[in-house]
Protein backbone atom coordinates (compact mmCIF):
# COMPACT_ATOMS: atom_id res chain seq x y z
CA MET A 1 166.59 54.28 -112.24
CA ARG A 2 166.27 51.41 -109.81
CA PHE A 3 165.73 51.26 -106.06
CA LEU A 4 165.01 48.71 -103.36
CA HIS A 5 161.95 49.17 -101.11
CA ALA A 6 161.87 47.24 -97.83
CA ALA A 7 160.33 47.66 -94.39
CA ASP A 8 159.77 45.93 -91.06
CA VAL A 9 163.09 44.17 -90.68
CA HIS A 10 162.66 43.86 -86.89
CA LEU A 11 166.29 42.99 -86.28
CA ASP A 12 166.74 40.46 -83.47
CA SER A 13 163.02 40.29 -82.83
CA PRO A 14 162.68 38.37 -79.54
CA LEU A 15 160.58 35.32 -80.35
CA ARG A 16 159.18 34.66 -76.92
CA GLY A 17 157.84 31.25 -76.02
CA LEU A 18 159.94 29.09 -78.35
CA GLU A 19 161.24 27.17 -75.35
CA ARG A 20 157.77 25.68 -74.99
CA TYR A 21 158.13 23.84 -78.28
CA GLU A 22 160.20 20.69 -78.21
CA GLY A 23 162.48 20.41 -81.20
CA ALA A 24 162.07 24.04 -82.27
CA PRO A 25 165.11 25.29 -84.24
CA LYS A 26 165.48 28.19 -81.81
CA GLU A 27 168.80 29.58 -83.01
CA ALA A 28 167.87 29.40 -86.68
CA ILE A 29 164.68 31.34 -85.99
CA ARG A 30 166.32 33.93 -83.75
CA GLU A 31 169.10 34.64 -86.27
CA ALA A 32 166.76 34.72 -89.25
CA THR A 33 166.13 38.49 -89.30
CA ARG A 34 169.86 39.23 -89.46
CA HIS A 35 170.46 36.73 -92.24
CA ALA A 36 167.49 38.10 -94.20
CA PHE A 37 168.89 41.62 -93.87
CA GLU A 38 172.29 40.42 -95.06
CA LYS A 39 170.54 39.01 -98.14
CA LEU A 40 168.84 42.40 -98.64
CA VAL A 41 172.21 44.16 -98.70
CA ALA A 42 173.70 41.57 -101.05
CA LEU A 43 170.69 41.91 -103.34
CA ALA A 44 170.99 45.69 -103.47
CA ILE A 45 174.63 45.36 -104.49
CA SER A 46 174.14 42.56 -107.03
CA ARG A 47 171.18 44.31 -108.69
CA GLN A 48 173.08 47.61 -108.71
CA VAL A 49 170.27 49.66 -107.24
CA ASP A 50 170.71 53.43 -107.12
CA PHE A 51 169.47 53.64 -103.53
CA VAL A 52 167.66 51.72 -100.79
CA VAL A 53 164.46 52.81 -99.05
CA LEU A 54 163.65 51.44 -95.56
CA ALA A 55 160.12 52.38 -94.48
CA GLY A 56 160.33 51.89 -90.73
CA ASP A 57 160.71 49.29 -87.97
CA LEU A 58 164.29 48.38 -88.66
CA TYR A 59 164.51 47.49 -84.98
CA ASP A 60 162.13 45.72 -82.64
CA GLY A 61 161.61 47.96 -79.64
CA ASP A 62 164.13 48.94 -76.99
CA ARG A 63 166.88 46.31 -76.74
CA ASP A 64 169.90 46.99 -74.55
CA ASP A 65 172.35 45.52 -77.04
CA PHE A 66 174.73 47.70 -79.03
CA ASN A 67 175.58 44.72 -81.22
CA ILE A 68 172.34 45.24 -83.12
CA ILE A 69 173.38 48.78 -84.08
CA LEU A 70 176.90 47.64 -84.93
CA PHE A 71 175.50 44.88 -87.14
CA PHE A 72 173.34 47.40 -89.00
CA ASN A 73 176.26 49.81 -89.44
CA ARG A 74 178.45 47.03 -90.85
CA GLN A 75 175.80 46.26 -93.44
CA MET A 76 175.48 49.94 -94.33
CA LEU A 77 179.23 50.17 -94.87
CA LYS A 78 178.92 47.42 -97.49
CA LEU A 79 176.37 49.58 -99.30
CA ARG A 80 178.56 52.66 -98.95
CA ASP A 81 181.47 50.80 -100.52
CA ALA A 82 179.15 49.98 -103.43
CA GLY A 83 178.10 53.64 -103.75
CA ILE A 84 174.53 52.99 -102.60
CA PRO A 85 172.81 55.54 -100.31
CA VAL A 86 170.06 54.54 -97.90
CA PHE A 87 166.99 56.58 -96.96
CA MET A 88 164.99 55.54 -93.94
CA ILE A 89 162.29 56.57 -91.49
CA SER A 90 161.62 55.38 -87.97
CA GLY A 91 158.53 53.29 -87.23
CA ASN A 92 156.70 52.68 -83.99
CA HIS A 93 159.18 50.01 -82.86
CA ASP A 94 162.17 52.18 -83.78
CA ALA A 95 160.81 55.04 -81.69
CA ASP A 96 160.95 52.75 -78.66
CA ASN A 97 164.64 51.97 -79.31
CA ARG A 98 166.75 54.54 -77.47
CA MET A 99 170.02 53.09 -78.76
CA THR A 100 169.42 54.44 -82.26
CA THR A 101 170.30 57.92 -80.99
CA ARG A 102 173.56 56.78 -79.39
CA LEU A 103 175.38 55.38 -82.43
CA ASN A 104 175.36 57.29 -85.70
CA PRO A 105 175.11 55.31 -88.93
CA PRO A 106 177.63 55.67 -91.79
CA ASP A 107 177.38 58.81 -93.91
CA ASN A 108 175.54 57.05 -96.75
CA VAL A 109 172.50 56.64 -94.49
CA HIS A 110 169.96 59.45 -94.30
CA ARG A 111 167.34 59.26 -91.54
CA PHE A 112 164.37 61.57 -91.99
CA GLY A 113 163.46 63.54 -88.89
CA THR A 114 160.51 63.03 -86.59
CA ASP A 115 159.43 66.63 -85.92
CA GLU A 116 158.33 67.43 -89.45
CA PRO A 117 158.54 65.97 -92.95
CA GLY A 118 161.80 66.38 -94.83
CA THR A 119 162.84 66.16 -98.47
CA ARG A 120 166.01 64.94 -100.15
CA VAL A 121 166.54 65.58 -103.86
CA LEU A 122 168.92 63.42 -105.90
CA ASP A 123 169.60 65.71 -108.84
CA ASP A 124 171.60 63.17 -110.82
CA LEU A 125 168.67 60.74 -110.75
CA GLY A 126 165.83 63.24 -110.88
CA VAL A 127 164.38 61.82 -107.66
CA ALA A 128 162.85 63.55 -104.65
CA LEU A 129 162.32 61.55 -101.46
CA HIS A 130 160.01 62.77 -98.70
CA GLY A 131 159.59 61.30 -95.24
CA GLN A 132 158.89 61.70 -91.55
CA GLY A 133 159.53 59.14 -88.84
CA PHE A 134 157.74 58.33 -85.60
CA ALA A 135 158.75 60.46 -82.62
CA THR A 136 156.95 58.14 -80.20
CA GLY A 137 155.82 54.54 -80.23
CA ALA A 138 152.19 55.46 -80.88
CA VAL A 139 151.47 58.06 -83.57
CA THR A 140 147.74 58.21 -84.28
CA THR A 141 147.63 61.27 -86.56
CA ASP A 142 147.90 61.27 -90.35
CA LEU A 143 151.55 62.15 -90.91
CA SER A 144 151.11 62.20 -94.68
CA ALA A 145 148.84 65.25 -94.41
CA GLY A 146 151.90 67.37 -93.62
CA TYR A 147 154.10 66.06 -96.43
CA PRO A 148 155.21 68.69 -98.97
CA ALA A 149 153.91 68.90 -102.51
CA ALA A 150 155.76 66.99 -105.20
CA VAL A 151 158.96 68.49 -106.60
CA PRO A 152 158.18 69.35 -110.25
CA GLY A 153 160.07 67.30 -112.82
CA CYS A 154 161.21 64.70 -110.29
CA PHE A 155 160.09 61.18 -109.56
CA ASN A 156 158.67 61.71 -106.08
CA ILE A 157 158.78 58.99 -103.42
CA GLY A 158 157.02 59.26 -100.08
CA LEU A 159 158.30 57.13 -97.19
CA LEU A 160 155.52 56.49 -94.69
CA HIS A 161 155.11 54.10 -91.78
CA THR A 162 151.37 53.63 -91.54
CA CYS A 163 148.47 51.27 -91.05
CA GLY A 164 147.22 52.63 -94.36
CA THR A 165 143.47 52.69 -94.61
CA GLY A 166 143.26 50.09 -91.83
CA ALA A 167 144.85 46.66 -91.46
CA GLU A 168 143.61 43.77 -89.35
CA GLY A 169 146.09 42.73 -86.70
CA HIS A 170 148.07 45.97 -86.85
CA ALA A 171 147.81 48.99 -84.56
CA ALA A 172 146.09 52.00 -86.16
CA TYR A 173 149.24 54.11 -86.34
CA ALA A 174 149.56 57.11 -88.69
CA PRO A 175 146.37 56.25 -90.62
CA CYS A 176 145.99 57.82 -94.05
CA THR A 177 143.55 57.95 -96.95
CA LEU A 178 144.13 57.24 -100.61
CA ASP A 179 142.73 60.64 -101.53
CA GLY A 180 145.21 62.22 -99.14
CA LEU A 181 148.13 60.33 -100.66
CA ARG A 182 147.03 61.20 -104.19
CA SER A 183 146.83 64.87 -103.26
CA ARG A 184 150.63 64.99 -102.75
CA GLN A 185 151.04 64.03 -106.44
CA TYR A 186 153.93 61.67 -105.75
CA GLN A 187 154.62 58.79 -108.13
CA TYR A 188 155.43 56.19 -105.46
CA TRP A 189 154.52 55.72 -101.82
CA ALA A 190 156.96 53.41 -100.01
CA LEU A 191 154.95 52.17 -97.05
CA GLY A 192 155.83 50.11 -93.99
CA HIS A 193 154.15 48.73 -90.84
CA VAL A 194 151.79 46.12 -92.35
CA HIS A 195 153.63 42.81 -92.64
CA LEU A 196 151.49 41.43 -95.47
CA ARG A 197 152.82 42.35 -98.90
CA HIS A 198 150.11 44.12 -100.91
CA ASP A 199 149.23 47.26 -102.85
CA LEU A 200 146.78 49.93 -101.79
CA LEU A 201 147.15 51.25 -105.34
CA ALA A 202 148.97 49.55 -108.21
CA SER A 203 149.48 52.74 -110.22
CA ASP A 204 148.94 56.51 -110.37
CA PRO A 205 150.51 56.49 -107.82
CA VAL A 206 151.91 53.17 -106.67
CA VAL A 207 151.09 52.76 -102.97
CA ALA A 208 152.81 49.60 -101.77
CA PHE A 209 153.54 47.60 -98.65
CA PRO A 210 156.49 45.23 -99.29
CA GLY A 211 155.70 43.21 -96.15
CA ASN A 212 158.38 42.24 -93.67
CA VAL A 213 161.63 40.64 -94.80
CA GLN A 214 161.40 37.56 -92.56
CA GLY A 215 158.42 35.74 -91.07
CA ARG A 216 158.65 35.40 -87.29
CA HIS A 217 155.65 33.25 -86.36
CA MET A 218 152.55 31.56 -87.77
CA ARG A 219 150.78 34.83 -88.49
CA GLU A 220 153.53 35.63 -90.99
CA THR A 221 153.42 32.75 -93.44
CA GLY A 222 154.70 32.45 -96.98
CA PRO A 223 157.56 34.18 -98.81
CA LYS A 224 158.87 37.40 -97.24
CA GLY A 225 161.20 39.91 -98.83
CA CYS A 226 161.42 43.25 -100.61
CA LEU A 227 160.54 45.05 -103.83
CA ILE A 228 162.97 45.95 -106.60
CA VAL A 229 161.49 48.98 -108.34
CA ASP A 230 162.49 50.11 -111.84
CA VAL A 231 161.46 53.52 -113.20
CA ASN A 232 161.92 54.56 -116.83
CA ASP A 233 162.33 58.06 -118.26
CA SER A 234 158.55 58.40 -118.54
CA HIS A 235 158.22 57.63 -114.81
CA GLU A 236 156.55 54.30 -115.56
CA VAL A 237 157.03 51.84 -112.71
CA THR A 238 157.69 48.11 -112.80
CA ARG A 239 158.23 46.08 -109.65
CA GLU A 240 159.63 42.70 -108.74
CA PHE A 241 159.15 40.94 -105.43
CA VAL A 242 162.32 39.17 -104.29
CA PRO A 243 162.16 36.74 -101.34
CA LEU A 244 164.77 37.33 -98.65
CA ASP A 245 163.61 35.00 -95.89
CA VAL A 246 165.87 32.22 -94.70
CA PHE A 247 163.26 30.31 -92.67
CA ARG A 248 159.65 30.01 -93.80
CA TRP A 249 156.40 29.52 -91.92
CA GLU A 250 153.51 27.67 -93.54
CA VAL A 251 150.11 26.22 -92.63
CA CYS A 252 149.31 22.74 -93.95
CA ARG A 253 145.53 22.30 -94.13
CA LEU A 254 144.24 18.76 -94.44
CA ASP A 255 140.61 18.15 -95.42
CA ALA A 256 139.56 14.96 -93.67
CA THR A 257 136.09 14.86 -95.25
CA GLU A 258 136.86 12.06 -97.72
CA VAL A 259 139.45 10.26 -95.58
CA THR A 260 138.41 6.76 -94.52
CA SER A 261 141.15 5.99 -91.97
CA ALA A 262 143.66 7.81 -89.79
CA GLU A 263 146.47 6.05 -91.63
CA GLU A 264 145.19 7.50 -94.90
CA LEU A 265 145.19 10.95 -93.30
CA VAL A 266 148.91 10.60 -92.54
CA ASP A 267 149.50 9.72 -96.20
CA VAL A 268 147.53 12.79 -97.27
CA PHE A 269 149.74 14.89 -95.01
CA GLY A 270 152.89 13.41 -96.52
CA ALA A 271 151.77 14.30 -100.05
CA SER A 272 150.79 17.81 -98.97
CA LEU A 273 154.11 18.39 -97.20
CA ASN A 274 156.08 17.27 -100.25
CA GLN A 275 154.15 19.79 -102.31
CA GLN A 276 154.88 22.59 -99.84
CA LEU A 277 158.58 21.73 -99.79
CA GLN A 278 158.74 22.01 -103.56
CA GLY A 279 157.34 25.54 -103.39
CA ALA A 280 159.48 26.75 -100.47
CA ASP A 281 162.56 27.90 -102.44
CA GLY A 282 164.69 25.29 -100.69
CA LEU A 283 164.20 26.90 -97.27
CA PRO A 284 163.67 25.15 -93.93
CA LEU A 285 160.00 25.11 -92.96
CA ALA A 286 157.99 25.53 -89.80
CA VAL A 287 154.61 23.92 -90.44
CA ARG A 288 151.38 24.04 -88.52
CA VAL A 289 149.08 21.15 -89.45
CA LEU A 290 145.33 21.78 -89.34
CA VAL A 291 143.10 18.74 -89.80
CA GLU A 292 139.59 19.94 -90.57
CA GLY A 293 136.14 18.90 -91.71
CA PRO A 294 133.36 16.45 -90.83
CA SER A 295 134.92 13.02 -91.10
CA GLU A 296 134.31 9.35 -90.47
CA VAL A 297 137.69 9.22 -88.72
CA HIS A 298 136.71 11.90 -86.18
CA PRO A 299 136.15 9.41 -83.32
CA GLU A 300 139.58 7.84 -83.83
CA LEU A 301 141.36 11.19 -84.04
CA ALA A 302 139.42 12.59 -81.08
CA SER A 303 140.07 9.61 -78.84
CA THR A 304 143.84 9.42 -79.44
CA PRO A 305 145.00 12.82 -80.75
CA GLU A 306 148.51 12.47 -79.28
CA GLN A 307 149.09 9.27 -81.24
CA TRP A 308 148.08 10.76 -84.57
CA ALA A 309 149.96 13.99 -83.94
CA PHE A 310 153.02 11.79 -83.32
CA GLU A 311 152.38 9.88 -86.57
CA ILE A 312 152.21 13.17 -88.49
CA ARG A 313 155.43 14.43 -86.91
CA SER A 314 157.13 11.12 -87.67
CA ARG A 315 156.09 11.32 -91.32
CA ALA A 316 157.51 14.85 -91.52
CA MET A 317 160.83 13.65 -90.08
CA SER A 318 161.01 10.81 -92.58
CA ILE A 319 160.42 13.22 -95.47
CA ALA A 320 162.71 16.01 -94.25
CA PRO A 321 165.08 14.96 -91.42
CA ASP A 322 166.70 17.56 -89.18
CA ASP A 323 170.07 17.04 -90.87
CA SER A 324 168.71 17.47 -94.41
CA SER A 325 169.26 20.58 -96.52
CA GLN A 326 165.59 21.50 -96.08
CA PRO A 327 164.44 20.37 -92.62
CA VAL A 328 160.84 20.64 -91.45
CA TRP A 329 159.69 21.46 -87.94
CA VAL A 330 156.04 20.63 -87.23
CA GLU A 331 155.21 23.49 -84.90
CA LYS A 332 151.77 22.26 -83.92
CA VAL A 333 149.11 19.73 -84.94
CA GLN A 334 145.49 20.73 -84.48
CA PHE A 335 142.51 18.45 -85.00
CA ARG A 336 139.36 20.38 -85.86
CA THR A 337 137.30 17.55 -87.23
CA SER A 338 133.72 16.77 -86.32
CA ILE A 339 131.23 13.94 -86.63
CA PRO A 340 129.45 14.01 -90.02
CA ALA A 341 125.95 15.48 -89.79
CA SER A 342 124.42 12.17 -90.77
CA ARG A 343 125.94 10.54 -87.67
CA ASP A 344 125.53 13.44 -85.20
CA SER A 345 122.87 12.35 -82.76
CA SER A 346 123.68 14.86 -80.01
CA GLN A 347 120.53 16.87 -80.72
CA GLU A 348 118.37 13.85 -79.98
CA ALA A 349 120.45 12.66 -77.03
CA ASP A 350 118.75 12.45 -73.68
CA GLY A 351 120.24 13.47 -70.34
CA PRO A 352 123.37 15.61 -69.86
CA LEU A 353 124.59 15.35 -73.48
CA GLY A 354 121.36 16.67 -74.90
CA GLU A 355 121.18 19.43 -72.28
CA LEU A 356 124.75 20.53 -72.99
CA HIS A 357 124.13 20.63 -76.73
CA GLN A 358 120.96 22.66 -76.23
CA LEU A 359 122.74 25.11 -73.87
CA ILE A 360 125.50 25.79 -76.38
CA GLU A 361 123.06 26.28 -79.25
CA GLU A 362 121.04 28.74 -77.16
CA LEU A 363 124.16 30.69 -76.19
CA LYS A 364 125.26 30.95 -79.83
CA GLN A 365 121.96 32.70 -80.63
CA ASN A 366 121.91 34.91 -77.51
CA PRO A 367 123.49 38.37 -78.15
CA ALA A 368 123.48 39.30 -74.46
CA GLY A 369 125.14 36.02 -73.53
CA LEU A 370 127.76 36.41 -76.25
CA GLU A 371 128.52 39.94 -75.08
CA GLU A 372 128.96 38.76 -71.49
CA LEU A 373 131.25 35.96 -72.65
CA THR A 374 133.30 38.43 -74.72
CA THR A 375 133.80 40.64 -71.66
CA GLU A 376 134.98 37.69 -69.59
CA LEU A 377 137.40 36.62 -72.34
CA LYS A 378 138.88 40.13 -72.53
CA THR A 379 139.54 40.04 -68.79
CA LEU A 380 141.27 36.68 -69.16
CA GLN A 381 143.25 37.96 -72.15
CA GLN A 382 144.70 40.79 -70.07
CA LYS A 383 145.81 38.33 -67.41
CA LEU A 384 147.56 36.20 -70.03
CA LYS A 385 149.21 39.14 -71.81
CA GLY A 386 152.85 38.33 -72.50
CA VAL A 387 152.31 34.61 -71.91
CA LEU A 388 150.76 33.65 -75.25
CA LEU A 389 152.66 33.78 -78.52
CA PRO A 390 151.45 36.43 -81.01
CA ASP A 391 149.55 33.98 -83.21
CA GLU A 392 147.96 32.30 -80.19
CA VAL A 393 146.11 35.45 -79.11
CA ASP A 394 143.72 35.34 -82.08
CA GLU A 395 143.46 31.57 -81.78
CA VAL A 396 142.53 31.58 -78.10
CA PHE A 397 140.52 34.80 -77.98
CA PRO A 398 137.93 35.19 -80.76
CA THR A 399 137.38 38.83 -81.71
CA THR A 400 134.27 38.71 -83.92
CA PRO A 401 130.78 37.23 -83.35
CA GLU A 402 131.45 34.70 -86.10
CA GLN A 403 134.71 33.60 -84.48
CA LEU A 404 133.03 33.39 -81.08
CA GLN A 405 130.22 31.21 -82.43
CA ALA A 406 132.75 28.94 -84.14
CA ALA A 407 134.72 28.71 -80.89
CA LEU A 408 131.57 27.78 -79.00
CA ALA A 409 130.81 25.05 -81.51
CA ALA A 410 134.36 23.69 -81.16
CA ALA A 411 134.10 23.85 -77.37
CA GLY A 412 130.82 21.95 -77.59
CA ASP A 413 132.44 19.20 -79.64
CA MET A 414 135.29 18.98 -77.13
CA LEU A 415 132.99 18.87 -74.09
CA LEU A 416 130.69 16.31 -75.65
CA GLY A 417 133.73 14.24 -76.53
CA ARG A 418 135.02 14.39 -72.96
CA LEU A 419 131.65 13.39 -71.56
CA GLN A 420 131.75 10.45 -73.92
CA GLY A 421 135.21 9.54 -72.64
CA GLN A 422 137.25 11.25 -75.38
CA PRO A 423 140.23 13.53 -74.63
CA GLU A 424 140.78 17.04 -75.95
CA GLN A 425 141.41 17.23 -79.69
CA THR A 426 144.32 19.67 -79.88
CA THR A 427 147.94 18.85 -79.14
CA ASP A 428 150.99 21.08 -79.10
């Protein structure tokens, strides 16, 4: 028996803020979720799966566009023609989409209810599927606690949209425990909600997040896709991850520690980008470049960051032009270098530079001061809600003491640089 496990399609996810980025392939990014879902359907047919499992967040909130539903129904008809049923639950984003109740899917699609868990038994396959969807956009109770016991003699699959045992960057919806999942005595838990592909348990039972099918921003880097799951007569499980994404996001980290000139840094970037292209399955790339480390070239990079960001973008265009089969868009270049410790004389500096350095060091070691700063940042974050892109929230607003101290150190470098006549080090 073989089935396909996917989740978090987020059809037509509105990627806000792309207009701010010159040269961004806006249409390619906006259409990516649909194309990835088309690949999912084609994969299910070509691999002759017995059924498809969708573990929530097919949609992306309430969108007043019936074309999204019609697109989904057309894809489901392809599966129906191939004799492939689909079993799905609603996630938090689906619960916010009122259109899903206005257009019924084809008859090969079974949506589990939201009031209580349901079970569907496929006698010919010896499979029992159990699931319950989200009734509202914020379910904070453990839905799995109400799931029925396993059907004896069947391979039991639980569909659950959940944060699992807790996932950074994801709302704590429908939390569960591994002991609770084990107590149902299912053989496979098909999870959704967390966009990073990983296992909570690799066996006895398998508890798996397939991740989302298409990355949408810089917090969703690397290959994205689904799981093809094979089950033998002894209920032993083997899985294969299959990429479905049509546009990939990556971070290119450059260590400037050993670099002796800015020109050499551009060469290092070129070599790194070529390596990333070779591992990107032939897909177009969106790349964020992070230049890090204490470096002798820090003064040059800090004094003219726009020039060197331009040089990096130019090198990317020469390697992978826009009209090539695998174009590259450099989404952002960030310089996070610093003066090597052997050359950092700010601690001994007299006057304003020394005072500024001392003030920042004292604040980094002052719990009360850090707490006050955190409160002020939270207030600012609320005012900027909806303005920043998803990945920029974590970047701009540190959430842990360690991140806050690192941000203070970076701010100190920037301020000292400005006082010394150097511009800010980050360019978009």
